PDB file of N, CA and C in Angstrom:
ATOM      1  N   MET A   1       0.829  -1.181   0.000  1.00  0.00           N
ATOM      2  CA  MET A   1       0.000   0.000   0.000  1.00  0.00           C
ATOM      3  C   MET A   1       0.872   1.243   0.000  1.00  0.00           C
ATOM      4  N   ASP A   2       1.656   1.374  -1.008  1.00  0.00           N
ATOM      5  CA  ASP A   2       2.523   2.531  -1.180  1.00  0.00           C
ATOM      6  C   ASP A   2       1.689   3.806  -1.179  1.00  0.00           C
ATOM      7  N   GLY A   3       2.135   4.834  -0.493  1.00  0.00           N
ATOM      8  CA  GLY A   3       1.424   6.099  -0.468  1.00  0.00           C
ATOM      9  C   GLY A   3       0.440   6.253   0.674  1.00  0.00           C
ATOM     10  N   LEU A   4       0.202   5.213   1.439  1.00  0.00           N
ATOM     11  CA  LEU A   4      -0.728   5.261   2.560  1.00  0.00           C
ATOM     12  C   LEU A   4      -0.021   5.814   3.784  1.00  0.00           C
ATOM     13  N   VAL A   5      -0.624   6.867   4.382  1.00  0.00           N
ATOM     14  CA  VAL A   5      -0.081   7.472   5.592  1.00  0.00           C
ATOM     15  C   VAL A   5      -1.208   7.539   6.620  1.00  0.00           C
ATOM     16  N   ILE A   6      -0.945   7.021   7.818  1.00  0.00           N
ATOM     17  CA  ILE A   6      -1.927   7.041   8.889  1.00  0.00           C
ATOM     18  C   ILE A   6      -1.359   7.856  10.033  1.00  0.00           C
ATOM     19  N   SER A   7      -2.154   8.826  10.489  1.00  0.00           N
ATOM     20  CA  SER A   7      -1.764   9.669  11.613  1.00  0.00           C
ATOM     21  C   SER A   7      -2.972   9.802  12.530  1.00  0.00           C
ATOM     22  N   GLY A   8      -2.992   9.004  13.585  1.00  0.00           N
ATOM     23  CA  GLY A   8      -4.149   9.000  14.479  1.00  0.00           C
ATOM     24  C   GLY A   8      -5.375   8.486  13.756  1.00  0.00           C
ATOM     25  N   THR A   9      -6.401   9.348  13.636  1.00  0.00           N
ATOM     26  CA  THR A   9      -7.630   8.952  12.943  1.00  0.00           C
ATOM     27  C   THR A   9      -7.700   9.509  11.531  1.00  0.00           C
ATOM     28  N   GLN A  10      -6.591  10.090  11.033  1.00  0.00           N
ATOM     29  CA  GLN A  10      -6.542  10.588   9.657  1.00  0.00           C
ATOM     30  C   GLN A  10      -5.805   9.593   8.778  1.00  0.00           C
ATOM     31  N   VAL A  11      -6.425   9.282   7.649  1.00  0.00           N
ATOM     32  CA  VAL A  11      -5.830   8.398   6.661  1.00  0.00           C
ATOM     33  C   VAL A  11      -5.608   9.218   5.396  1.00  0.00           C
ATOM     34  N   SER A  12      -4.390   9.218   4.881  1.00  0.00           N
ATOM     35  CA  SER A  12      -4.058   9.948   3.656  1.00  0.00           C
ATOM     36  C   SER A  12      -3.603   8.956   2.594  1.00  0.00           C
ATOM     37  N   TYR A  13      -4.148   9.126   1.409  1.00  0.00           N
ATOM     38  CA  TYR A  13      -3.774   8.312   0.256  1.00  0.00           C
ATOM     39  C   TYR A  13      -3.666   9.282  -0.914  1.00  0.00           C
ATOM     40  N   ILE A  14      -2.580  10.026  -0.938  1.00  0.00           N
ATOM     41  CA  ILE A  14      -2.423  11.193  -1.799  1.00  0.00           C
ATOM     42  C   ILE A  14      -1.627  10.854  -3.055  1.00  0.00           C
ATOM     43  N   GLY A  15      -2.106  11.370  -4.183  1.00  0.00           N
ATOM     44  CA  GLY A  15      -1.360  11.275  -5.440  1.00  0.00           C
ATOM     45  C   GLY A  15      -1.187   9.883  -5.992  1.00  0.00           C
ATOM     46  N   GLN A  16      -2.179   9.039  -5.838  1.00  0.00           N
ATOM     47  CA  GLN A  16      -2.069   7.659  -6.311  1.00  0.00           C
ATOM     48  C   GLN A  16      -2.834   7.404  -7.603  1.00  0.00           C
ATOM     49  N   ASP A  17      -3.393   8.472  -8.207  1.00  0.00           N
ATOM     50  CA  ASP A  17      -4.149   8.380  -9.464  1.00  0.00           C
ATOM     51  C   ASP A  17      -5.351   7.442  -9.377  1.00  0.00           C
ATOM     52  N   CYS A  18      -5.965   7.357  -8.209  1.00  0.00           N
ATOM     53  CA  CYS A  18      -7.148   6.512  -8.011  1.00  0.00           C
ATOM     54  C   CYS A  18      -8.362   7.132  -8.689  1.00  0.00           C
ATOM     55  N   ARG A  19      -9.153   6.323  -9.350  1.00  0.00           N
ATOM     56  CA  ARG A  19     -10.400   6.780  -9.956  1.00  0.00           C
ATOM     57  C   ARG A  19     -11.589   6.488  -9.045  1.00  0.00           C
ATOM     58  N   GLU A  20     -11.381   5.647  -8.050  1.00  0.00           N
ATOM     59  CA  GLU A  20     -12.401   5.354  -7.039  1.00  0.00           C
ATOM     60  C   GLU A  20     -11.695   5.089  -5.719  1.00  0.00           C
ATOM     61  N   VAL A  21     -12.460   5.136  -4.641  1.00  0.00           N
ATOM     62  CA  VAL A  21     -11.874   4.899  -3.324  1.00  0.00           C
ATOM     63  C   VAL A  21     -11.454   3.431  -3.253  1.00  0.00           C
ATOM     64  N   PRO A  22     -10.191   3.147  -3.013  1.00  0.00           N
ATOM     65  CA  PRO A  22      -9.728   1.762  -2.953  1.00  0.00           C
ATOM     66  C   PRO A  22     -10.417   0.988  -1.822  1.00  0.00           C
ATOM     67  N   GLU A  23     -10.881  -0.206  -2.132  1.00  0.00           N
ATOM     68  CA  GLU A  23     -11.570  -1.032  -1.144  1.00  0.00           C
ATOM     69  C   GLU A  23     -10.705  -1.306   0.076  1.00  0.00           C
ATOM     70  N   HIS A  24      -9.399  -1.448  -0.113  1.00  0.00           N
ATOM     71  CA  HIS A  24      -8.537  -1.776   1.019  1.00  0.00           C
ATOM     72  C   HIS A  24      -8.530  -0.667   2.068  1.00  0.00           C
ATOM     73  N   LEU A  25      -8.791   0.590   1.665  1.00  0.00           N
ATOM     74  CA  LEU A  25      -8.835   1.666   2.653  1.00  0.00           C
ATOM     75  C   LEU A  25     -10.019   1.479   3.598  1.00  0.00           C
ATOM     76  N   GLY A  26     -11.159   1.145   3.061  1.00  0.00           N
ATOM     77  CA  GLY A  26     -12.332   0.900   3.899  1.00  0.00           C
ATOM     78  C   GLY A  26     -12.165  -0.334   4.758  1.00  0.00           C
ATOM     79  N   ARG A  27     -11.634  -1.374   4.172  1.00  0.00           N
ATOM     80  CA  ARG A  27     -11.454  -2.634   4.886  1.00  0.00           C
ATOM     81  C   ARG A  27     -10.435  -2.491   6.021  1.00  0.00           C
ATOM     82  N   ASP A  28      -9.323  -1.828   5.734  1.00  0.00           N
ATOM     83  CA  ASP A  28      -8.232  -1.759   6.702  1.00  0.00           C
ATOM     84  C   ASP A  28      -8.322  -0.574   7.660  1.00  0.00           C
ATOM     85  N   CYS A  29      -8.964   0.506   7.228  1.00  0.00           N
ATOM     86  CA  CYS A  29      -8.948   1.740   8.031  1.00  0.00           C
ATOM     87  C   CYS A  29     -10.331   2.270   8.394  1.00  0.00           C
ATOM     88  N   GLY A  30     -11.371   1.716   7.785  1.00  0.00           N
ATOM     89  CA  GLY A  30     -12.718   2.242   7.980  1.00  0.00           C
ATOM     90  C   GLY A  30     -13.220   2.205   9.411  1.00  0.00           C
ATOM     91  N   HIS A  31     -12.723   1.286  10.213  1.00  0.00           N
ATOM     92  CA  HIS A  31     -13.218   1.154  11.587  1.00  0.00           C
ATOM     93  C   HIS A  31     -12.685   2.232  12.522  1.00  0.00           C
ATOM     94  N   PHE A  32     -11.621   2.944  12.133  1.00  0.00           N
ATOM     95  CA  PHE A  32     -11.079   3.978  13.022  1.00  0.00           C
ATOM     96  C   PHE A  32     -10.952   5.353  12.362  1.00  0.00           C
ATOM     97  N   ALA A  33     -10.966   5.417  11.042  1.00  0.00           N
ATOM     98  CA  ALA A  33     -10.717   6.681  10.347  1.00  0.00           C
ATOM     99  C   ALA A  33     -11.867   7.663  10.532  1.00  0.00           C
ATOM    100  N   LYS A  34     -11.513   8.888  10.846  1.00  0.00           N
ATOM    101  CA  LYS A  34     -12.493   9.966  10.936  1.00  0.00           C
ATOM    102  C   LYS A  34     -12.303  10.954   9.795  1.00  0.00           C
ATOM    103  N   ARG A  35     -11.122  10.922   9.184  1.00  0.00           N
ATOM    104  CA  ARG A  35     -10.826  11.803   8.064  1.00  0.00           C
ATOM    105  C   ARG A  35     -10.038  11.026   7.018  1.00  0.00           C
ATOM    106  N   LEU A  36     -10.448  11.191   5.761  1.00  0.00           N
ATOM    107  CA  LEU A  36      -9.784  10.521   4.646  1.00  0.00           C
ATOM    108  C   LEU A  36      -9.360  11.577   3.629  1.00  0.00           C
ATOM    109  N   ASP A  37      -8.066  11.679   3.400  1.00  0.00           N
ATOM    110  CA  ASP A  37      -7.511  12.644   2.457  1.00  0.00           C
ATOM    111  C   ASP A  37      -7.123  11.920   1.173  1.00  0.00           C
ATOM    112  N   LEU A  38      -7.849  12.214   0.107  1.00  0.00           N
ATOM    113  CA  LEU A  38      -7.580  11.611  -1.202  1.00  0.00           C
ATOM    114  C   LEU A  38      -7.156  12.679  -2.207  1.00  0.00           C
ATOM    115  N   SER A  39      -6.454  13.694  -1.738  1.00  0.00           N
ATOM    116  CA  SER A  39      -6.000  14.782  -2.604  1.00  0.00           C
ATOM    117  C   SER A  39      -5.117  14.259  -3.736  1.00  0.00           C
ATOM    118  N   PHE A  40      -5.186  14.970  -4.857  1.00  0.00           N
ATOM    119  CA  PHE A  40      -4.335  14.686  -6.020  1.00  0.00           C
ATOM    120  C   PHE A  40      -4.511  13.268  -6.550  1.00  0.00           C
ATOM    121  N   ASN A  41      -5.769  12.806  -6.556  1.00  0.00           N
ATOM    122  CA  ASN A  41      -6.136  11.563  -7.215  1.00  0.00           C
ATOM    123  C   ASN A  41      -7.041  11.931  -8.398  1.00  0.00           C
ATOM    124  N   LEU A  42      -7.659  10.951  -9.023  1.00  0.00           N
ATOM    125  CA  LEU A  42      -8.480  11.196 -10.205  1.00  0.00           C
ATOM    126  C   LEU A  42      -9.969  11.007  -9.934  1.00  0.00           C
ATOM    127  N   LEU A  43     -10.386  11.202  -8.688  1.00  0.00           N
ATOM    128  CA  LEU A  43     -11.785  11.029  -8.305  1.00  0.00           C
ATOM    129  C   LEU A  43     -12.632  12.190  -8.821  1.00  0.00           C
ATOM    130  N   ARG A  44     -13.874  11.884  -9.178  1.00  0.00           N
ATOM    131  CA  ARG A  44     -14.822  12.933  -9.553  1.00  0.00           C
ATOM    132  C   ARG A  44     -16.012  12.935  -8.588  1.00  0.00           C
ATOM    133  N   TYR A  45     -16.529  11.773  -8.238  1.00  0.00           N
ATOM    134  CA  TYR A  45     -17.648  11.655  -7.320  1.00  0.00           C
ATOM    135  C   TYR A  45     -17.434  10.461  -6.410  1.00  0.00           C
ATOM    136  N   VAL A  46     -17.914  10.578  -5.189  1.00  0.00           N
ATOM    137  CA  VAL A  46     -17.979   9.423  -4.303  1.00  0.00           C
ATOM    138  C   VAL A  46     -19.398   8.895  -4.467  1.00  0.00           C
ATOM    139  N   THR A  47     -19.534   7.704  -5.069  1.00  0.00           N
ATOM    140  CA  THR A  47     -20.867   7.178  -5.357  1.00  0.00           C
ATOM    141  C   THR A  47     -21.171   5.916  -4.582  1.00  0.00           C
ATOM    142  N   SER A  48     -20.229   5.440  -3.817  1.00  0.00           N
ATOM    143  CA  SER A  48     -20.423   4.206  -3.075  1.00  0.00           C
ATOM    144  C   SER A  48     -20.149   4.444  -1.601  1.00  0.00           C
ATOM    145  N   THR A  49     -20.904   3.751  -0.772  1.00  0.00           N
ATOM    146  CA  THR A  49     -20.668   3.846   0.670  1.00  0.00           C
ATOM    147  C   THR A  49     -20.161   2.516   1.201  1.00  0.00           C
ATOM    148  N   ARG A  50     -19.453   1.772   0.347  1.00  0.00           N
ATOM    149  CA  ARG A  50     -18.911   0.482   0.777  1.00  0.00           C
ATOM    150  C   ARG A  50     -17.975   0.629   1.965  1.00  0.00           C
ATOM    151  N   CYS A  51     -17.242   1.738   2.005  1.00  0.00           N
ATOM    152  CA  CYS A  51     -16.276   1.931   3.085  1.00  0.00           C
ATOM    153  C   CYS A  51     -16.964   2.258   4.404  1.00  0.00           C
ATOM    154  N   ARG A  52     -17.976   3.094   4.370  1.00  0.00           N
ATOM    155  CA  ARG A  52     -18.683   3.537   5.567  1.00  0.00           C
ATOM    156  C   ARG A  52     -20.180   3.577   5.254  1.00  0.00           C
ATOM    157  N   PRO A  53     -20.934   2.498   5.470  1.00  0.00           N
ATOM    158  CA  PRO A  53     -22.355   2.467   5.152  1.00  0.00           C
ATOM    159  C   PRO A  53     -23.098   3.605   5.851  1.00  0.00           C
ATOM    160  N   GLY A  54     -24.147   4.116   5.180  1.00  0.00           N
ATOM    161  CA  GLY A  54     -24.987   5.141   5.777  1.00  0.00           C
ATOM    162  C   GLY A  54     -24.474   6.560   5.602  1.00  0.00           C
ATOM    163  N   LEU A  55     -23.544   6.778   4.680  1.00  0.00           N
ATOM    164  CA  LEU A  55     -23.015   8.125   4.494  1.00  0.00           C
ATOM    165  C   LEU A  55     -23.961   9.031   3.717  1.00  0.00           C
ATOM    166  N   GLY A  56     -24.902   8.472   2.963  1.00  0.00           N
ATOM    167  CA  GLY A  56     -25.870   9.307   2.261  1.00  0.00           C
ATOM    168  C   GLY A  56     -25.568   9.477   0.790  1.00  0.00           C
ATOM    169  N   ASP A  57     -25.992  10.631   0.254  1.00  0.00           N
ATOM    170  CA  ASP A  57     -25.904  10.913  -1.172  1.00  0.00           C
ATOM    171  C   ASP A  57     -24.468  11.074  -1.649  1.00  0.00           C
ATOM    172  N   PRO A  58     -24.237  10.870  -2.958  1.00  0.00           N
ATOM    173  CA  PRO A  58     -22.896  11.085  -3.509  1.00  0.00           C
ATOM    174  C   PRO A  58     -22.411  12.509  -3.251  1.00  0.00           C
ATOM    175  N   VAL A  59     -21.128  12.653  -3.079  1.00  0.00           N
ATOM    176  CA  VAL A  59     -20.523  13.948  -2.783  1.00  0.00           C
ATOM    177  C   VAL A  59     -19.642  14.358  -3.952  1.00  0.00           C
ATOM    178  N   PRO A  60     -19.930  15.514  -4.604  1.00  0.00           N
ATOM    179  CA  PRO A  60     -19.030  15.973  -5.663  1.00  0.00           C
ATOM    180  C   PRO A  60     -17.706  16.406  -5.049  1.00  0.00           C
ATOM    181  N   LEU A  61     -16.627  16.081  -5.712  1.00  0.00           N
ATOM    182  CA  LEU A  61     -15.307  16.400  -5.192  1.00  0.00           C
ATOM    183  C   LEU A  61     -14.673  17.517  -6.002  1.00  0.00           C
ATOM    184  N   VAL A  62     -13.961  18.372  -5.339  1.00  0.00           N
ATOM    185  CA  VAL A  62     -13.173  19.393  -6.004  1.00  0.00           C
ATOM    186  C   VAL A  62     -11.748  18.867  -6.054  1.00  0.00           C
ATOM    187  N   THR A  63     -11.207  18.747  -7.244  1.00  0.00           N
ATOM    188  CA  THR A  63      -9.851  18.226  -7.374  1.00  0.00           C
ATOM    189  C   THR A  63      -8.878  19.377  -7.502  1.00  0.00           C
ATOM    190  N   ALA A  64      -7.758  19.232  -6.883  1.00  0.00           N
ATOM    191  CA  ALA A  64      -6.729  20.275  -6.918  1.00  0.00           C
ATOM    192  C   ALA A  64      -5.507  19.754  -7.658  1.00  0.00           C
ATOM    193  N   GLY A  65      -4.963  20.553  -8.489  1.00  0.00           N
ATOM    194  CA  GLY A  65      -3.680  20.213  -9.097  1.00  0.00           C
ATOM    195  C   GLY A  65      -3.754  19.515 -10.424  1.00  0.00           C
ATOM    196  N   ARG A  66      -4.608  18.550 -10.589  1.00  0.00           N
ATOM    197  CA  ARG A  66      -4.601  17.772 -11.836  1.00  0.00           C
ATOM    198  C   ARG A  66      -5.757  18.160 -12.661  1.00  0.00           C
TER     199      ARG A  66
END
């Protein structure tokens, strides 16, 4: 899991060119993470709540840099 940084309850997965939230982040970090930083990836919308059920409607993302 190159690029994964965990600091307390913050999980960062920055600059990995992900087009969707990687399943391993939810599986491995979903039980404790309160903040997820996916900056500088290729995401456009969060459309799945597989990582944290009950999150609600899709969230449009503002991408920086790319």
